[in-house]
Protein backbone atom coordinates (compact mmCIF):
# COMPACT_ATOMS: atom_id res chain seq x y z
CA MET A 1 74.33 96.74 53.16
CA HIS A 2 73.74 93.07 53.90
CA PRO A 3 76.76 91.48 55.65
CA LEU A 4 77.08 88.89 52.86
CA GLN A 5 76.81 91.39 50.00
CA GLU A 6 80.54 91.40 49.20
CA SER A 7 80.62 87.60 49.06
CA TRP A 8 77.50 87.56 46.86
CA ASP A 9 79.13 90.08 44.55
CA ARG A 10 82.28 87.95 44.24
CA SER A 11 80.20 84.82 43.60
CA THR A 12 78.15 86.65 40.98
CA ARG A 13 81.34 87.77 39.23
CA HIS A 14 82.66 84.18 39.15
CA LEU A 15 79.36 82.85 37.81
CA THR A 16 79.13 85.65 35.25
CA THR A 17 82.64 84.90 34.04
CA ALA A 18 81.79 81.22 33.60
CA ARG A 19 78.54 82.15 31.83
CA ASP A 20 80.37 84.46 29.45
CA LEU A 21 82.91 81.77 28.54
CA LEU A 22 80.19 79.37 27.41
CA ASP A 23 78.14 79.23 24.24
CA LEU A 24 74.74 79.05 25.96
CA ASP A 25 71.47 78.77 24.11
CA GLU A 26 69.00 81.62 24.54
CA SER A 27 66.79 79.79 27.04
CA THR A 28 69.68 78.76 29.29
CA LEU A 29 71.19 82.24 29.13
CA ARG A 30 67.84 83.76 30.09
CA ASP A 31 67.54 81.36 33.08
CA VAL A 32 71.06 82.08 34.30
CA ASN A 33 70.55 85.83 34.00
CA GLU A 34 67.24 85.67 35.86
CA TYR A 35 68.79 83.70 38.72
CA LEU A 36 71.74 86.09 38.92
CA ASP A 37 69.40 89.10 38.86
CA HIS A 38 67.45 87.65 41.80
CA ASN A 39 70.55 86.60 43.78
CA GLU A 40 69.65 82.92 43.34
CA LEU A 41 73.32 82.04 42.99
CA GLY A 42 72.95 78.35 43.76
CA LEU A 43 70.34 77.96 41.05
CA ALA A 44 72.52 79.88 38.59
CA LEU A 45 75.38 77.51 39.47
CA GLU A 46 73.16 74.48 38.82
CA VAL A 47 72.10 75.74 35.39
CA ILE A 48 75.65 76.64 34.36
CA VAL A 49 77.01 73.27 35.52
CA ASP A 50 74.24 71.45 33.63
CA ALA A 51 75.15 73.43 30.50
CA CYS A 52 78.82 72.53 30.97
CA GLU A 53 77.94 68.86 31.22
CA GLN A 54 75.97 69.10 27.97
CA LEU A 55 78.75 70.98 26.20
CA GLY A 56 81.32 68.39 27.30
CA ASP A 57 84.82 68.93 25.93
CA ALA A 58 83.82 72.28 24.44
CA VAL A 59 83.92 73.85 27.92
CA ALA A 60 87.01 75.96 28.49
CA LEU A 61 89.12 75.22 31.53
CA ALA A 62 88.65 78.86 32.53
CA ALA A 63 84.89 78.28 32.87
CA TRP A 64 85.46 75.37 35.26
CA SER A 65 87.98 77.51 37.18
CA SER A 66 85.42 80.28 37.57
CA LEU A 67 82.82 77.78 38.73
CA ARG A 68 85.29 76.36 41.25
CA ALA A 69 85.91 79.87 42.59
CA ALA A 70 82.14 80.41 42.90
CA VAL A 71 81.66 77.11 44.74
CA GLN A 72 84.46 78.00 47.13
CA GLU A 73 83.14 81.52 47.70
CA MET A 74 79.63 80.20 48.31
CA GLN A 75 81.05 77.46 50.56
CA ILE A 76 79.13 74.73 48.77
CA GLY A 77 80.57 71.32 49.49
CA PRO A 78 79.93 67.99 47.80
CA ASP A 79 77.61 67.01 50.65
CA ASP A 80 75.44 70.13 50.40
CA GLU A 81 71.82 69.01 50.28
CA ALA A 82 70.73 71.62 47.75
CA HIS A 83 73.71 72.02 45.42
CA GLY A 84 76.13 69.23 46.31
CA SER A 85 75.77 67.48 42.97
CA ALA A 86 76.81 70.66 41.13
CA ALA A 87 79.74 71.14 43.53
CA ARG A 88 80.88 67.54 42.95
CA GLU A 89 80.83 68.07 39.18
CA VAL A 90 82.77 71.33 39.48
CA LEU A 91 85.36 69.83 41.82
CA ARG A 92 85.80 66.89 39.43
CA HIS A 93 87.26 69.27 36.82
């Protein structure tokens, strides 16, 4: 087993919880699922955060909480070159 597998599994659970709390269109859902299936957790985070921004006030607090847990588990900070903008948006909620 890869040494990070347990952390990846926890991150995947957090992202899956957030995904399941949102009313995602078919295309977005397909993208998120593909990224999760390929362990592209940062990309899944980006897509889910973008969907949350589009949904606005319709996003449940629980979804933002799950995304915050994922960001913390993945140790993505606001200054992260690849996913910092998503982390900033998550931490803002």
